[in-house]
């Protein structure tokens, strides 16, 4: 089994429901086990045009799937949730990115691990730090390794408010 970290994001089509749906699908991945989940964060969209805010999180899974098999499974989950790949960094119903796959380094036309922008965005580093602060610091491209210094707009979502909007 290989420990893998996956970023989740959504800003279309009931984002909270999309995130919860993805979490349920990740729990059912063959040969895999969900072992950790970050808190949920609200973040300003990074990308073209006026977009709604995102809900972001990171999960840790232990998986027997190869990195390529894991990517294929994640893309199936995205498609099931209506993901369309029309505009780079455009709005999306669901975005699932492999951040880390053990300590493997992969650079293929289909997959880059560690994720190429892992260390640049607080909306990924902050939830990763919820699961493993040292790992987040190791992959941060900051000299000070202070994730809070990143200028992305991000806020912790209140679990009580989320519970009332979960459906």
N, C-alpha and C. Protein backbone atom coordinates (compact mmCIF):
# COMPACT_ATOMS: atom_id res chain seq x y z
N UNK A 1 0.85 -1.18 0.00
CA UNK A 1 0.00 0.00 0.00
C UNK A 1 0.89 1.24 0.00
N UNK A 2 0.47 2.22 -0.75
CA UNK A 2 1.21 3.48 -0.85
C UNK A 2 0.31 4.59 -0.35
N UNK A 3 0.86 5.44 0.52
CA UNK A 3 0.11 6.60 1.02
C UNK A 3 0.10 7.65 -0.07
N UNK A 4 -1.10 8.09 -0.42
CA UNK A 4 -1.28 9.10 -1.44
C UNK A 4 -2.14 10.22 -0.87
N UNK A 5 -1.86 11.44 -1.28
CA UNK A 5 -2.63 12.60 -0.86
C UNK A 5 -3.33 13.17 -2.08
N UNK A 6 -4.63 13.43 -1.93
CA UNK A 6 -5.45 13.89 -3.04
C UNK A 6 -6.15 15.18 -2.63
N UNK A 7 -6.05 16.20 -3.49
CA UNK A 7 -6.74 17.46 -3.28
C UNK A 7 -8.13 17.38 -3.90
N UNK A 8 -9.11 17.94 -3.20
CA UNK A 8 -10.48 18.00 -3.68
C UNK A 8 -10.89 19.46 -3.77
N UNK A 9 -11.59 19.82 -4.82
CA UNK A 9 -12.09 21.17 -4.96
C UNK A 9 -13.36 21.19 -5.78
N UNK A 10 -14.25 22.15 -5.46
CA UNK A 10 -15.49 22.31 -6.21
C UNK A 10 -16.00 23.73 -6.04
N UNK A 11 -16.52 24.29 -7.15
CA UNK A 11 -17.18 25.60 -7.05
C UNK A 11 -18.42 25.69 -7.93
N UNK A 12 -18.94 24.55 -8.36
CA UNK A 12 -20.17 24.53 -9.17
C UNK A 12 -21.06 23.38 -8.73
N UNK A 13 -22.37 23.54 -8.97
CA UNK A 13 -23.29 22.43 -8.75
C UNK A 13 -23.31 21.93 -7.33
N UNK A 14 -23.61 22.78 -6.37
CA UNK A 14 -23.64 22.41 -4.94
C UNK A 14 -22.28 21.88 -4.50
N UNK A 15 -21.29 22.76 -4.38
CA UNK A 15 -19.93 22.33 -4.07
C UNK A 15 -19.81 21.43 -2.85
N UNK A 16 -20.54 21.72 -1.80
CA UNK A 16 -20.43 20.88 -0.61
C UNK A 16 -20.90 19.46 -0.92
N UNK A 17 -22.01 19.33 -1.62
CA UNK A 17 -22.51 18.00 -2.01
C UNK A 17 -21.51 17.30 -2.92
N UNK A 18 -20.85 18.05 -3.80
CA UNK A 18 -19.83 17.46 -4.69
C UNK A 18 -18.67 16.91 -3.87
N UNK A 19 -18.22 17.67 -2.88
CA UNK A 19 -17.10 17.23 -2.04
C UNK A 19 -17.50 15.99 -1.25
N UNK A 20 -18.68 16.01 -0.64
CA UNK A 20 -19.13 14.84 0.12
C UNK A 20 -19.31 13.62 -0.80
N UNK A 21 -19.82 13.84 -2.00
CA UNK A 21 -19.95 12.74 -2.96
C UNK A 21 -18.60 12.16 -3.34
N UNK A 22 -17.62 13.04 -3.53
CA UNK A 22 -16.26 12.57 -3.85
C UNK A 22 -15.67 11.79 -2.68
N UNK A 23 -15.87 12.27 -1.46
CA UNK A 23 -15.37 11.55 -0.29
C UNK A 23 -15.96 10.15 -0.22
N UNK A 24 -17.25 10.04 -0.47
CA UNK A 24 -17.89 8.72 -0.47
C UNK A 24 -17.32 7.83 -1.56
N UNK A 25 -17.10 8.39 -2.74
CA UNK A 25 -16.52 7.60 -3.84
C UNK A 25 -15.09 7.17 -3.51
N UNK A 26 -14.31 8.05 -2.88
CA UNK A 26 -12.94 7.71 -2.51
C UNK A 26 -12.91 6.59 -1.47
N UNK A 27 -13.90 6.56 -0.59
CA UNK A 27 -13.98 5.49 0.40
C UNK A 27 -14.23 4.13 -0.24
N UNK A 28 -14.77 4.14 -1.47
CA UNK A 28 -15.10 2.89 -2.16
C UNK A 28 -14.09 2.51 -3.24
N UNK A 29 -12.98 3.24 -3.34
CA UNK A 29 -11.97 2.90 -4.36
C UNK A 29 -11.44 1.49 -4.11
N UNK A 30 -11.38 0.68 -5.15
CA UNK A 30 -10.86 -0.68 -4.96
C UNK A 30 -9.39 -0.66 -4.54
N UNK A 31 -9.03 -1.56 -3.66
CA UNK A 31 -7.64 -1.67 -3.23
C UNK A 31 -7.14 -0.46 -2.47
N UNK A 32 -8.05 0.31 -1.89
CA UNK A 32 -7.67 1.55 -1.23
C UNK A 32 -8.45 1.73 0.06
N UNK A 33 -7.88 2.55 0.93
CA UNK A 33 -8.54 2.85 2.21
C UNK A 33 -8.30 4.32 2.54
N UNK A 34 -9.38 5.05 2.80
CA UNK A 34 -9.28 6.45 3.22
C UNK A 34 -8.77 6.46 4.66
N UNK A 35 -7.65 7.16 4.89
CA UNK A 35 -7.04 7.15 6.23
C UNK A 35 -7.02 8.52 6.89
N UNK A 36 -7.39 9.56 6.17
CA UNK A 36 -7.41 10.88 6.77
C UNK A 36 -8.10 11.89 5.88
N UNK A 37 -8.71 12.88 6.51
CA UNK A 37 -9.41 13.93 5.79
C UNK A 37 -9.16 15.26 6.50
N UNK A 38 -8.79 16.26 5.73
CA UNK A 38 -8.58 17.60 6.30
C UNK A 38 -9.92 18.23 6.64
N UNK A 39 -9.83 19.38 7.28
CA UNK A 39 -11.01 20.21 7.44
C UNK A 39 -11.37 20.78 6.06
N UNK A 40 -12.55 21.35 5.95
CA UNK A 40 -12.98 21.97 4.69
C UNK A 40 -12.68 23.46 4.74
N UNK A 41 -12.22 23.97 3.61
CA UNK A 41 -11.85 25.38 3.50
C UNK A 41 -12.60 26.03 2.36
N UNK A 42 -12.94 27.28 2.55
CA UNK A 42 -13.44 28.11 1.47
C UNK A 42 -12.26 28.88 0.91
N UNK A 43 -12.23 29.02 -0.41
CA UNK A 43 -11.12 29.74 -1.04
C UNK A 43 -11.63 30.54 -2.24
N UNK A 44 -10.95 31.63 -2.50
CA UNK A 44 -11.23 32.41 -3.70
C UNK A 44 -10.73 31.63 -4.91
N UNK A 45 -11.45 31.74 -5.99
CA UNK A 45 -11.08 31.03 -7.22
C UNK A 45 -9.78 31.58 -7.80
N UNK A 46 -8.96 30.67 -8.29
CA UNK A 46 -7.75 31.01 -9.04
C UNK A 46 -8.03 30.59 -10.47
N UNK A 47 -8.10 31.54 -11.37
CA UNK A 47 -8.39 31.19 -12.75
C UNK A 47 -9.08 32.32 -13.47
N UNK A 48 -9.50 32.06 -14.70
CA UNK A 48 -10.06 33.11 -15.55
C UNK A 48 -11.48 33.52 -15.14
N UNK A 49 -11.80 34.77 -15.40
CA UNK A 49 -13.16 35.26 -15.22
C UNK A 49 -13.63 35.32 -13.79
N UNK A 50 -14.90 35.71 -13.64
CA UNK A 50 -15.54 35.76 -12.35
C UNK A 50 -16.03 34.36 -12.01
N UNK A 51 -15.53 33.80 -10.93
CA UNK A 51 -15.93 32.46 -10.53
C UNK A 51 -16.41 32.49 -9.09
N UNK A 52 -17.26 31.55 -8.75
CA UNK A 52 -17.70 31.37 -7.38
C UNK A 52 -16.53 30.87 -6.54
N UNK A 53 -16.63 31.08 -5.23
CA UNK A 53 -15.62 30.55 -4.32
C UNK A 53 -15.62 29.03 -4.35
N UNK A 54 -14.49 28.45 -3.99
CA UNK A 54 -14.33 27.00 -3.94
C UNK A 54 -14.48 26.47 -2.52
N UNK A 55 -14.80 25.21 -2.44
CA UNK A 55 -14.61 24.42 -1.23
C UNK A 55 -13.45 23.49 -1.54
N UNK A 56 -12.46 23.46 -0.65
CA UNK A 56 -11.26 22.63 -0.85
C UNK A 56 -10.99 21.77 0.37
N UNK A 57 -10.37 20.64 0.12
CA UNK A 57 -9.94 19.72 1.17
C UNK A 57 -8.83 18.85 0.61
N UNK A 58 -8.20 18.08 1.48
CA UNK A 58 -7.21 17.08 1.09
C UNK A 58 -7.52 15.81 1.87
N UNK A 59 -7.38 14.67 1.21
CA UNK A 59 -7.51 13.38 1.88
C UNK A 59 -6.23 12.59 1.71
N UNK A 60 -6.03 11.68 2.66
CA UNK A 60 -4.93 10.71 2.58
C UNK A 60 -5.57 9.35 2.36
N UNK A 61 -5.04 8.61 1.40
CA UNK A 61 -5.49 7.24 1.20
C UNK A 61 -4.28 6.33 1.14
N UNK A 62 -4.46 5.11 1.58
CA UNK A 62 -3.49 4.06 1.34
C UNK A 62 -4.06 3.24 0.19
N UNK A 63 -3.25 3.05 -0.85
CA UNK A 63 -3.78 2.39 -2.04
C UNK A 63 -2.81 1.37 -2.62
N UNK A 64 -3.38 0.34 -3.19
CA UNK A 64 -2.61 -0.65 -3.94
C UNK A 64 -2.64 -0.32 -5.43
N UNK A 65 -3.43 0.70 -5.82
CA UNK A 65 -3.49 1.12 -7.22
C UNK A 65 -2.18 1.78 -7.62
N UNK A 66 -1.79 1.58 -8.87
CA UNK A 66 -0.65 2.33 -9.39
C UNK A 66 -1.07 3.80 -9.51
N UNK A 67 -0.12 4.68 -9.66
CA UNK A 67 -0.44 6.10 -9.81
C UNK A 67 -1.33 6.33 -11.02
N UNK A 68 -1.06 5.63 -12.11
CA UNK A 68 -1.86 5.78 -13.32
C UNK A 68 -3.27 5.24 -13.10
N UNK A 69 -3.41 4.11 -12.41
CA UNK A 69 -4.73 3.57 -12.10
C UNK A 69 -5.50 4.51 -11.18
N UNK A 70 -4.81 5.10 -10.23
CA UNK A 70 -5.44 6.05 -9.32
C UNK A 70 -5.94 7.26 -10.09
N UNK A 71 -5.13 7.79 -10.99
CA UNK A 71 -5.54 8.93 -11.80
C UNK A 71 -6.79 8.59 -12.61
N UNK A 72 -6.81 7.43 -13.23
CA UNK A 72 -7.98 7.01 -14.01
C UNK A 72 -9.22 6.94 -13.12
N UNK A 73 -9.08 6.38 -11.92
CA UNK A 73 -10.20 6.28 -10.99
C UNK A 73 -10.70 7.67 -10.58
N UNK A 74 -9.78 8.60 -10.32
CA UNK A 74 -10.16 9.96 -9.95
C UNK A 74 -10.89 10.66 -11.09
N UNK A 75 -10.42 10.46 -12.31
CA UNK A 75 -11.07 11.09 -13.45
C UNK A 75 -12.47 10.52 -13.67
N UNK A 76 -12.67 9.24 -13.36
CA UNK A 76 -14.01 8.66 -13.44
C UNK A 76 -14.94 9.30 -12.42
N UNK A 77 -14.43 9.51 -11.21
CA UNK A 77 -15.23 10.16 -10.17
C UNK A 77 -15.59 11.58 -10.61
N UNK A 78 -14.60 12.31 -11.14
CA UNK A 78 -14.88 13.67 -11.64
C UNK A 78 -15.96 13.65 -12.72
N UNK A 79 -15.85 12.74 -13.67
CA UNK A 79 -16.84 12.65 -14.76
C UNK A 79 -18.22 12.33 -14.21
N UNK A 80 -18.28 11.44 -13.24
CA UNK A 80 -19.56 11.08 -12.62
C UNK A 80 -20.21 12.31 -11.98
N UNK A 81 -19.39 13.25 -11.55
CA UNK A 81 -19.90 14.48 -10.92
C UNK A 81 -20.03 15.63 -11.92
N UNK A 82 -19.99 15.32 -13.20
CA UNK A 82 -20.24 16.32 -14.22
C UNK A 82 -19.05 17.18 -14.60
N UNK A 83 -17.85 16.77 -14.27
CA UNK A 83 -16.65 17.55 -14.60
C UNK A 83 -16.47 17.65 -16.10
N UNK A 84 -16.26 18.87 -16.58
CA UNK A 84 -15.94 19.12 -17.97
C UNK A 84 -14.63 19.87 -18.01
N UNK A 85 -13.80 19.54 -18.96
CA UNK A 85 -12.47 20.13 -19.06
C UNK A 85 -12.41 21.10 -20.24
N UNK A 86 -13.22 22.16 -20.16
CA UNK A 86 -13.31 23.12 -21.25
C UNK A 86 -12.27 24.23 -21.12
N UNK A 87 -12.14 24.78 -19.92
CA UNK A 87 -11.29 25.96 -19.70
C UNK A 87 -10.29 25.62 -18.61
N UNK A 88 -9.00 25.79 -18.92
CA UNK A 88 -7.98 25.54 -17.90
C UNK A 88 -8.21 26.49 -16.73
N UNK A 89 -8.23 25.91 -15.52
CA UNK A 89 -8.46 26.63 -14.27
C UNK A 89 -9.82 27.31 -14.23
N UNK A 90 -10.73 26.83 -15.08
CA UNK A 90 -12.08 27.36 -15.07
C UNK A 90 -12.90 26.74 -13.95
N UNK A 91 -14.15 27.20 -13.81
CA UNK A 91 -15.01 26.65 -12.77
C UNK A 91 -15.23 25.16 -13.01
N UNK A 92 -15.47 24.42 -11.92
CA UNK A 92 -15.66 22.98 -12.07
C UNK A 92 -16.54 22.41 -10.97
N UNK A 93 -17.25 21.38 -11.35
CA UNK A 93 -18.08 20.70 -10.37
C UNK A 93 -17.21 19.94 -9.38
N UNK A 94 -16.13 19.36 -9.88
CA UNK A 94 -15.25 18.59 -9.01
C UNK A 94 -13.87 18.51 -9.63
N UNK A 95 -12.87 18.74 -8.81
CA UNK A 95 -11.48 18.63 -9.24
C UNK A 95 -10.77 17.74 -8.22
N UNK A 96 -10.19 16.64 -8.68
CA UNK A 96 -9.43 15.74 -7.83
C UNK A 96 -8.02 15.65 -8.39
N UNK A 97 -7.04 16.04 -7.60
CA UNK A 97 -5.64 16.03 -8.04
C UNK A 97 -4.80 15.19 -7.10
N UNK A 98 -3.98 14.32 -7.67
CA UNK A 98 -3.01 13.58 -6.87
C UNK A 98 -1.88 14.55 -6.54
N UNK A 99 -1.71 14.83 -5.26
CA UNK A 99 -0.64 15.71 -4.82
C UNK A 99 0.65 14.93 -4.64
N UNK A 100 0.55 13.82 -3.93
CA UNK A 100 1.71 12.98 -3.60
C UNK A 100 1.30 11.52 -3.72
N UNK A 101 2.22 10.71 -4.17
CA UNK A 101 2.02 9.27 -4.27
C UNK A 101 3.24 8.62 -3.64
N UNK A 102 3.14 8.40 -2.32
CA UNK A 102 4.31 7.95 -1.58
C UNK A 102 5.42 8.97 -1.77
N UNK A 103 6.64 8.47 -1.94
CA UNK A 103 7.75 9.38 -2.23
C UNK A 103 8.15 9.31 -3.70
N UNK A 104 7.23 8.80 -4.52
CA UNK A 104 7.50 8.66 -5.96
C UNK A 104 7.56 10.02 -6.65
N UNK A 105 8.39 10.08 -7.64
CA UNK A 105 8.44 11.23 -8.55
C UNK A 105 8.08 10.72 -9.93
N UNK A 106 7.05 11.30 -10.51
CA UNK A 106 6.56 10.86 -11.81
C UNK A 106 6.44 12.08 -12.69
N UNK A 107 6.97 11.98 -13.89
CA UNK A 107 6.84 13.06 -14.87
C UNK A 107 6.55 12.41 -16.21
N UNK A 108 5.27 12.26 -16.49
CA UNK A 108 4.85 11.67 -17.76
C UNK A 108 3.90 12.64 -18.43
N UNK A 109 3.57 12.39 -19.69
CA UNK A 109 2.61 13.29 -20.35
C UNK A 109 1.26 13.34 -19.63
N UNK A 110 0.93 12.30 -18.90
CA UNK A 110 -0.38 12.21 -18.25
C UNK A 110 -0.37 12.64 -16.79
N UNK A 111 0.78 12.59 -16.13
CA UNK A 111 0.81 12.73 -14.69
C UNK A 111 2.14 13.30 -14.21
N UNK A 112 2.06 14.28 -13.31
CA UNK A 112 3.26 14.84 -12.66
C UNK A 112 3.06 14.75 -11.15
N UNK A 113 3.97 14.04 -10.49
CA UNK A 113 3.93 13.88 -9.04
C UNK A 113 5.34 14.09 -8.51
N UNK A 114 5.50 14.91 -7.46
CA UNK A 114 4.48 15.68 -6.77
C UNK A 114 3.78 16.66 -7.72
N UNK A 115 2.56 17.01 -7.34
CA UNK A 115 1.80 17.96 -8.16
C UNK A 115 2.64 19.21 -8.38
N UNK A 116 2.75 19.68 -9.62
CA UNK A 116 3.66 20.80 -9.92
C UNK A 116 3.39 22.10 -9.17
N UNK A 117 2.15 22.35 -8.75
CA UNK A 117 1.85 23.59 -8.03
C UNK A 117 1.55 23.35 -6.55
N UNK A 118 1.91 22.18 -6.06
CA UNK A 118 1.65 21.82 -4.67
C UNK A 118 2.18 22.86 -3.70
N UNK A 119 3.40 23.30 -3.88
CA UNK A 119 4.03 24.20 -2.93
C UNK A 119 3.72 25.66 -3.09
N UNK A 120 2.83 26.00 -4.02
CA UNK A 120 2.57 27.40 -4.32
C UNK A 120 1.21 27.90 -3.84
N UNK A 121 0.35 27.00 -3.43
CA UNK A 121 -1.03 27.41 -3.17
C UNK A 121 -1.48 26.98 -1.78
N UNK A 122 -1.87 27.98 -1.03
CA UNK A 122 -2.30 27.70 0.34
C UNK A 122 -3.56 26.84 0.38
N UNK A 123 -4.43 26.93 -0.65
CA UNK A 123 -5.65 26.13 -0.63
C UNK A 123 -5.36 24.64 -0.76
N UNK A 124 -4.12 24.30 -1.08
CA UNK A 124 -3.68 22.90 -1.06
C UNK A 124 -2.82 22.64 0.18
N UNK A 125 -1.90 23.54 0.46
CA UNK A 125 -0.98 23.34 1.58
C UNK A 125 -1.67 23.36 2.94
N UNK A 126 -2.65 24.26 3.12
CA UNK A 126 -3.31 24.34 4.42
C UNK A 126 -4.04 23.05 4.76
N UNK A 127 -4.88 22.51 3.85
CA UNK A 127 -5.52 21.23 4.19
C UNK A 127 -4.52 20.07 4.30
N UNK A 128 -3.46 20.09 3.50
CA UNK A 128 -2.42 19.06 3.63
C UNK A 128 -1.78 19.15 5.01
N UNK A 129 -1.57 20.37 5.49
CA UNK A 129 -0.98 20.55 6.82
C UNK A 129 -1.89 20.01 7.92
N UNK A 130 -3.21 20.03 7.70
CA UNK A 130 -4.13 19.43 8.67
C UNK A 130 -3.80 17.95 8.87
N UNK A 131 -3.37 17.30 7.80
CA UNK A 131 -3.08 15.87 7.84
C UNK A 131 -1.64 15.58 8.23
N UNK A 132 -0.72 16.40 7.76
CA UNK A 132 0.70 16.17 8.03
C UNK A 132 1.45 17.50 7.82
N UNK A 133 1.60 18.25 8.90
CA UNK A 133 2.21 19.58 8.82
C UNK A 133 3.64 19.52 8.29
N UNK A 134 4.38 18.54 8.70
CA UNK A 134 5.77 18.41 8.25
C UNK A 134 5.83 18.14 6.75
N UNK A 135 4.97 17.29 6.27
CA UNK A 135 4.92 17.00 4.83
C UNK A 135 4.57 18.26 4.04
N UNK A 136 3.63 19.04 4.54
CA UNK A 136 3.27 20.29 3.87
C UNK A 136 4.46 21.24 3.84
N UNK A 137 5.19 21.34 4.95
CA UNK A 137 6.38 22.21 4.98
C UNK A 137 7.45 21.72 4.02
N UNK A 138 7.65 20.42 3.94
CA UNK A 138 8.66 19.86 3.03
C UNK A 138 8.38 20.21 1.58
N UNK A 139 7.11 20.28 1.22
CA UNK A 139 6.76 20.53 -0.17
C UNK A 139 6.44 21.99 -0.46
N UNK A 140 6.51 22.83 0.55
CA UNK A 140 6.29 24.25 0.36
C UNK A 140 7.51 24.84 -0.31
N UNK A 141 7.28 25.78 -1.20
CA UNK A 141 8.39 26.46 -1.86
C UNK A 141 8.73 27.77 -1.18
N UNK A 142 8.25 27.92 0.06
CA UNK A 142 8.53 29.14 0.82
C UNK A 142 9.84 29.01 1.55
N UNK A 143 10.63 30.09 1.57
CA UNK A 143 11.87 30.08 2.34
C UNK A 143 11.59 29.89 3.82
N UNK A 144 10.56 30.54 4.32
CA UNK A 144 10.26 30.48 5.74
C UNK A 144 9.46 29.24 6.13
N UNK A 145 8.95 28.52 5.15
CA UNK A 145 8.08 27.36 5.36
C UNK A 145 6.85 27.72 6.19
N UNK A 146 6.45 28.98 6.12
CA UNK A 146 5.26 29.43 6.85
C UNK A 146 4.09 29.47 5.89
N UNK A 147 3.27 28.44 5.92
CA UNK A 147 2.16 28.32 4.99
C UNK A 147 1.21 29.50 5.10
N UNK A 148 1.02 30.01 6.32
CA UNK A 148 0.10 31.13 6.51
C UNK A 148 0.54 32.40 5.78
N UNK A 149 1.81 32.45 5.35
CA UNK A 149 2.31 33.64 4.65
C UNK A 149 1.83 33.70 3.21
N UNK A 150 1.32 32.60 2.68
CA UNK A 150 0.82 32.63 1.31
C UNK A 150 -0.38 33.57 1.24
N UNK A 151 -0.53 34.25 0.11
CA UNK A 151 -1.53 35.30 0.03
C UNK A 151 -2.88 34.85 -0.53
N UNK A 152 -3.07 33.56 -0.76
CA UNK A 152 -4.37 33.09 -1.24
C UNK A 152 -5.44 33.45 -0.21
N UNK A 153 -6.61 33.80 -0.68
CA UNK A 153 -7.75 34.01 0.21
C UNK A 153 -8.29 32.65 0.60
N UNK A 154 -8.26 32.33 1.89
CA UNK A 154 -8.70 31.03 2.38
C UNK A 154 -9.30 31.20 3.77
N UNK A 155 -10.33 30.44 4.05
CA UNK A 155 -10.94 30.49 5.38
C UNK A 155 -11.46 29.10 5.73
N UNK A 156 -11.41 28.81 6.99
CA UNK A 156 -11.92 27.55 7.50
C UNK A 156 -13.44 27.60 7.50
N UNK A 157 -14.07 26.58 6.96
CA UNK A 157 -15.53 26.54 6.95
C UNK A 157 -16.02 26.01 8.29
N UNK A 158 -17.04 26.63 8.81
CA UNK A 158 -17.62 26.28 10.09
C UNK A 158 -18.40 24.97 9.98
N UNK A 159 -17.99 23.93 10.73
CA UNK A 159 -18.68 22.63 10.63
C UNK A 159 -20.18 22.70 10.93
N UNK A 160 -20.59 23.59 11.85
CA UNK A 160 -22.01 23.71 12.17
C UNK A 160 -22.80 24.26 10.98
N UNK A 161 -22.22 25.24 10.30
CA UNK A 161 -22.88 25.77 9.11
C UNK A 161 -22.90 24.73 8.01
N UNK A 162 -21.83 23.96 7.87
CA UNK A 162 -21.78 22.94 6.83
C UNK A 162 -22.84 21.87 7.05
N UNK A 163 -23.05 21.48 8.30
CA UNK A 163 -24.02 20.42 8.59
C UNK A 163 -25.41 20.80 8.09
N UNK A 164 -25.76 22.08 8.18
CA UNK A 164 -27.09 22.51 7.75
C UNK A 164 -27.20 22.60 6.23
N UNK A 165 -26.07 22.57 5.52
CA UNK A 165 -26.08 22.66 4.06
C UNK A 165 -25.57 21.40 3.38
N UNK A 166 -25.44 20.32 4.11
CA UNK A 166 -24.82 19.11 3.58
C UNK A 166 -25.65 18.43 2.51
N UNK A 167 -26.92 18.61 2.48
CA UNK A 167 -27.75 17.91 1.49
C UNK A 167 -27.92 18.74 0.24
